[in-house]
Amino acid sequence: MSLEELKESKSFVVGTKQTTRAIAEGQAKKVFLALDADRFLQIEIEKQCRENHVLLESVPTMMELGKWAGIEVKAAVATILDEQQ
């Protein structure tokens, strides 16, 4: 699985607030986290994913993640939602 999965997904969110909410509500299927995002943010998202048993994949840059998410700006984090929830 890779960023292609994000691009093909029908249900995903982009951004820290939406990702944090999706993880907390049990809606997150897989989280993509940019390696050049703020270190504190990385630690928090990694912790939340670990505690909630959510798959986590690293992406080299925020610009690349934004591109794959279909937006024209950088994105620190994007999350595929569990469509069965």
Foldseek 3Di string as FASTA:
>chain_A
DDLVCLLPAPAKFFADVVLVVCLVVVFFAEKEFEPPPDPVSVVVSVVSCVVSVHHYHYDHFQCVSCVSNPHRDGTGMMTRTDPVD
